Amino acid sequence: MTDAVLFVVFPYVATVVAIGMGVYRYFNNRFSYSSLSSQFLENRTLFWGSVPWHYGIILILGAHVLALLFPAQWADLIAPQFRLYLLEITGLALAVVTIIGLALLIIRRLRNSRAFAVTSRMDWILLLLLLSQVVLGFWIALFYRWGSDWYLHTAVPWLTSLVTFNPQIQYVAALPWVVKLHLLGGFLIILLFPFTRLVHLVTFPFTYLWRPIQVVIWNRRPSR
């Protein structure tokens, strides 16, 4: 019963809330549909934290999504032992880079009084949740080896069964508790998505691809 609530009911609730509240926020408070950047408050630590965090998390999530969308091709990719080893090492390295980047972002908000003042309670919850999620992922990759392979036979069929509205919790029911926490943490982030700055993920300026080139003219006094 507990597994059914955690791995069937909770994922659906999280997804419905994320979509519903995300649409509601977009039409009722569109100004907040951004990352609400605090770059103007302090830039140096932000750069060294933001760059490794974004590049690391994008590559890590990209690998998860590719394995989910193309499981057969992913299985062929990691079939040779060398590729599996290389992918595992790369994943661990990316996790370390991501943790360092996010830790720097948290330290920046703690040490910079102006950044601290504009950091809401939900911002702190999100930062700590993201840090916990990445640390759990690193822990799993380090102590439960070859996750690139067994992910295909556990999480992928479970997620696919949720998408097809035919939940099959037996794929994840027997997994270690730390792996279960990692799976649930992902859906908890989805649940909090419309209430945090994460909404900026869906505001990518696609019109930049076809809009006219922007001409910037510097307005400076001529040197004497």
Protein backbone atom coordinates (compact mmCIF):
# COMPACT_ATOMS: atom_id res chain seq x y z
CA MET A 1 0.00 0.00 0.00
CA THR A 2 2.80 2.41 0.91
CA ASP A 3 4.65 1.72 -2.34
CA ALA A 4 1.45 2.33 -4.30
CA VAL A 5 0.99 5.74 -2.68
CA LEU A 6 4.63 6.74 -3.11
CA PHE A 7 5.27 5.39 -6.61
CA VAL A 8 1.85 5.71 -8.21
CA VAL A 9 -0.30 8.34 -6.49
CA PHE A 10 2.48 10.79 -5.63
CA PRO A 11 4.00 10.99 -9.15
CA TYR A 12 0.59 11.70 -10.69
CA VAL A 13 -0.28 14.30 -8.05
CA ALA A 14 3.09 15.99 -8.49
CA THR A 15 2.69 16.15 -12.27
CA VAL A 16 -0.89 17.45 -12.18
CA VAL A 17 -0.01 20.15 -9.62
CA ALA A 18 3.06 21.18 -11.61
CA ILE A 19 1.11 21.59 -14.84
CA GLY A 20 -1.98 23.16 -13.31
CA MET A 21 -0.22 25.64 -11.04
CA GLY A 22 2.38 26.37 -13.72
CA VAL A 23 -0.33 27.45 -16.17
CA TYR A 24 -2.15 29.41 -13.46
CA ARG A 25 1.01 31.28 -12.46
CA TYR A 26 1.86 32.05 -16.07
CA PHE A 27 -1.44 33.78 -16.74
CA ASN A 28 -1.80 35.45 -13.33
CA ASN A 29 1.75 36.44 -12.42
CA ARG A 30 3.76 36.36 -15.61
CA PHE A 31 6.43 38.73 -14.27
CA SER A 32 7.55 36.03 -11.82
CA TYR A 33 8.00 33.55 -14.68
CA SER A 34 11.75 34.03 -14.70
CA SER A 35 14.84 33.05 -12.76
CA LEU A 36 14.62 36.40 -10.88
CA SER A 37 18.37 36.72 -11.34
CA SER A 38 20.42 38.38 -8.61
CA GLN A 39 23.46 38.73 -10.86
CA PHE A 40 23.56 42.49 -10.41
CA LEU A 41 24.15 41.97 -6.67
CA GLU A 42 27.38 40.01 -7.07
CA ASN A 43 28.78 38.33 -10.14
CA ARG A 44 32.10 36.59 -9.42
CA THR A 45 30.95 33.76 -7.14
CA LEU A 46 27.75 33.49 -9.17
CA PHE A 47 29.81 32.77 -12.28
CA TRP A 48 31.94 30.06 -10.67
CA GLY A 49 28.85 28.44 -9.18
CA SER A 50 26.36 28.88 -12.00
CA VAL A 51 28.50 27.62 -14.88
CA PRO A 52 29.48 24.21 -13.40
CA TRP A 53 26.00 23.78 -11.94
CA HIS A 54 24.16 24.39 -15.20
CA TYR A 55 26.51 22.46 -17.45
CA GLY A 56 26.73 19.56 -15.00
CA ILE A 57 23.01 19.21 -14.32
CA ILE A 58 22.05 19.58 -17.99
CA LEU A 59 24.40 16.76 -19.03
CA ILE A 60 23.27 14.53 -16.16
CA LEU A 61 19.58 15.08 -16.85
CA GLY A 62 20.24 14.66 -20.56
CA ALA A 63 21.66 11.19 -19.98
CA HIS A 64 18.63 10.24 -17.86
CA VAL A 65 16.21 11.48 -20.51
CA LEU A 66 18.03 9.81 -23.42
CA ALA A 67 17.99 6.46 -21.63
CA LEU A 68 14.28 6.93 -20.94
CA LEU A 69 13.35 7.89 -24.50
CA PHE A 70 15.69 5.50 -26.32
CA PRO A 71 16.25 2.50 -24.03
CA ALA A 72 17.22 0.08 -26.81
CA GLN A 73 19.78 2.46 -28.27
CA TRP A 74 21.09 3.26 -24.80
CA ALA A 75 21.51 -0.45 -24.08
CA ASP A 76 23.52 -0.82 -27.30
CA LEU A 77 25.63 2.19 -26.34
CA ILE A 78 26.71 0.79 -22.98
CA ALA A 79 26.92 -2.85 -24.08
CA PRO A 80 30.72 -2.72 -24.53
CA GLN A 81 32.39 -2.77 -21.13
CA PHE A 82 34.70 0.11 -21.99
CA ARG A 83 31.78 2.43 -22.80
CA LEU A 84 30.00 1.48 -19.58
CA TYR A 85 33.12 2.25 -17.53
CA LEU A 86 33.65 5.53 -19.35
CA LEU A 87 30.04 6.59 -18.81
CA GLU A 88 30.16 5.73 -15.12
CA ILE A 89 33.37 7.73 -14.60
CA THR A 90 31.97 10.66 -16.57
CA GLY A 91 28.78 10.60 -14.52
CA LEU A 92 30.71 10.66 -11.24
CA ALA A 93 32.85 13.55 -12.45
CA LEU A 94 29.81 15.53 -13.58
CA ALA A 95 28.13 14.89 -10.22
CA VAL A 96 31.17 16.29 -8.39
CA VAL A 97 31.23 19.37 -10.64
CA THR A 98 27.50 19.89 -10.13
CA ILE A 99 27.74 19.58 -6.34
CA ILE A 100 30.62 22.07 -6.21
CA GLY A 101 28.72 24.53 -8.39
CA LEU A 102 25.54 24.34 -6.33
CA ALA A 103 27.51 24.56 -3.07
CA LEU A 104 29.14 27.78 -4.32
CA LEU A 105 25.72 29.20 -5.18
CA ILE A 106 24.48 28.42 -1.67
CA ILE A 107 27.62 29.90 -0.06
CA ARG A 108 27.19 33.03 -2.17
CA ARG A 109 23.67 33.56 -0.85
CA LEU A 110 24.83 32.98 2.72
CA ARG A 111 27.86 35.29 2.58
CA ASN A 112 26.45 38.11 0.47
CA SER A 113 24.00 40.12 2.56
CA ARG A 114 22.17 41.56 -0.46
CA ALA A 115 21.77 38.15 -2.10
CA PHE A 116 20.67 36.72 1.24
CA ALA A 117 18.02 39.42 1.63
CA VAL A 118 16.32 38.55 -1.67
CA THR A 119 16.41 34.79 -1.07
CA SER A 120 12.98 33.53 -0.06
CA ARG A 121 12.16 30.55 2.11
CA MET A 122 11.10 28.62 -1.00
CA ASP A 123 14.47 29.43 -2.59
CA TRP A 124 16.27 27.80 0.35
CA ILE A 125 13.99 24.77 0.22
CA LEU A 126 14.66 24.40 -3.50
CA LEU A 127 18.44 24.83 -3.15
CA LEU A 128 18.67 22.25 -0.36
CA LEU A 129 16.40 19.85 -2.22
CA LEU A 130 18.48 20.13 -5.39
CA LEU A 131 21.68 19.64 -3.42
CA SER A 132 20.23 16.57 -1.68
CA GLN A 133 19.09 15.15 -5.00
CA VAL A 134 22.49 15.51 -6.64
CA VAL A 135 24.32 14.14 -3.59
CA LEU A 136 21.98 11.13 -3.54
CA GLY A 137 22.67 10.59 -7.24
CA PHE A 138 26.41 10.72 -6.60
CA TRP A 139 26.06 8.30 -3.68
CA ILE A 140 24.08 5.86 -5.80
CA ALA A 141 26.58 6.07 -8.66
CA LEU A 142 29.46 5.47 -6.25
CA PHE A 143 28.07 2.62 -4.14
CA TYR A 144 25.53 1.01 -6.48
CA ARG A 145 27.68 0.58 -9.55
CA TRP A 146 26.59 0.31 -13.16
CA GLY A 147 23.49 2.44 -12.68
CA SER A 148 23.64 3.27 -16.38
CA ASP A 149 22.65 -0.35 -16.95
CA TRP A 150 20.22 -1.25 -14.16
CA TYR A 151 18.45 2.10 -14.60
CA LEU A 152 17.17 0.66 -17.89
CA HIS A 153 15.57 -2.30 -16.12
CA THR A 154 14.07 -0.51 -13.11
CA ALA A 155 13.32 3.21 -13.37
CA VAL A 156 12.76 3.29 -17.13
CA PRO A 157 9.98 0.65 -17.25
CA TRP A 158 8.42 2.15 -14.12
CA LEU A 159 8.35 5.66 -15.61
CA THR A 160 7.09 4.29 -18.91
CA SER A 161 4.27 2.49 -17.11
CA LEU A 162 3.26 5.77 -15.46
CA VAL A 163 3.18 7.56 -18.81
CA THR A 164 0.99 4.84 -20.32
CA PHE A 165 -1.31 4.93 -17.25
CA ASN A 166 -0.50 1.33 -16.40
CA PRO A 167 1.60 1.69 -13.22
CA GLN A 168 4.01 -1.18 -12.56
CA ILE A 169 5.59 -0.59 -9.15
CA GLN A 170 7.26 -3.99 -9.01
CA TYR A 171 10.17 -2.51 -10.98
CA VAL A 172 11.10 -0.17 -8.12
CA ALA A 173 9.56 -1.79 -5.02
CA ALA A 174 12.66 -3.87 -4.26
CA LEU A 175 15.21 -1.13 -4.87
CA PRO A 176 17.42 0.12 -1.99
CA TRP A 177 15.90 2.94 0.07
CA VAL A 178 18.47 5.47 -1.12
CA VAL A 179 17.46 4.81 -4.74
CA LYS A 180 13.79 5.15 -3.81
CA LEU A 181 14.53 8.49 -2.15
CA HIS A 182 16.27 9.65 -5.32
CA LEU A 183 13.26 8.69 -7.45
CA LEU A 184 10.80 10.38 -5.10
CA GLY A 185 13.07 13.43 -4.85
CA GLY A 186 12.73 13.93 -8.59
CA PHE A 187 8.94 14.06 -8.35
CA LEU A 188 9.13 16.31 -5.28
CA ILE A 189 11.10 18.80 -7.37
CA ILE A 190 8.43 18.52 -10.07
CA LEU A 191 5.77 19.19 -7.41
CA LEU A 192 7.54 22.36 -6.24
CA PHE A 193 8.30 23.45 -9.82
CA PRO A 194 5.47 26.02 -10.23
CA PHE A 195 6.15 27.59 -6.82
CA THR A 196 9.86 28.30 -7.39
CA ARG A 197 12.26 29.96 -9.80
CA LEU A 198 12.51 26.71 -11.73
CA VAL A 199 9.64 27.94 -13.91
CA HIS A 200 12.23 29.82 -15.95
CA LEU A 201 13.08 26.46 -17.56
CA VAL A 202 9.96 26.75 -19.72
CA THR A 203 10.59 30.35 -20.76
CA PHE A 204 13.42 29.73 -23.21
CA PRO A 205 13.25 32.61 -25.72
CA PHE A 206 12.56 30.56 -28.85
CA THR A 207 11.78 33.74 -30.79
CA TYR A 208 15.47 34.61 -30.59
CA LEU A 209 15.98 32.03 -33.33
CA TRP A 210 14.16 34.09 -35.95
CA ARG A 211 13.94 37.65 -34.67
CA PRO A 212 15.94 40.41 -36.45
CA ILE A 213 19.50 40.98 -35.33
CA GLN A 214 19.67 43.41 -32.42
CA VAL A 215 21.94 46.38 -33.08
CA VAL A 216 23.64 47.78 -29.97
CA ILE A 217 25.01 51.33 -30.20
CA TRP A 218 27.38 52.51 -27.48
CA ASN A 219 26.55 55.98 -26.26
CA ARG A 220 29.84 57.37 -24.99
CA ARG A 221 31.31 60.82 -24.85
CA PRO A 222 34.11 61.27 -27.37
CA SER A 223 37.52 61.26 -25.79
CA ARG A 224 39.34 64.56 -25.80
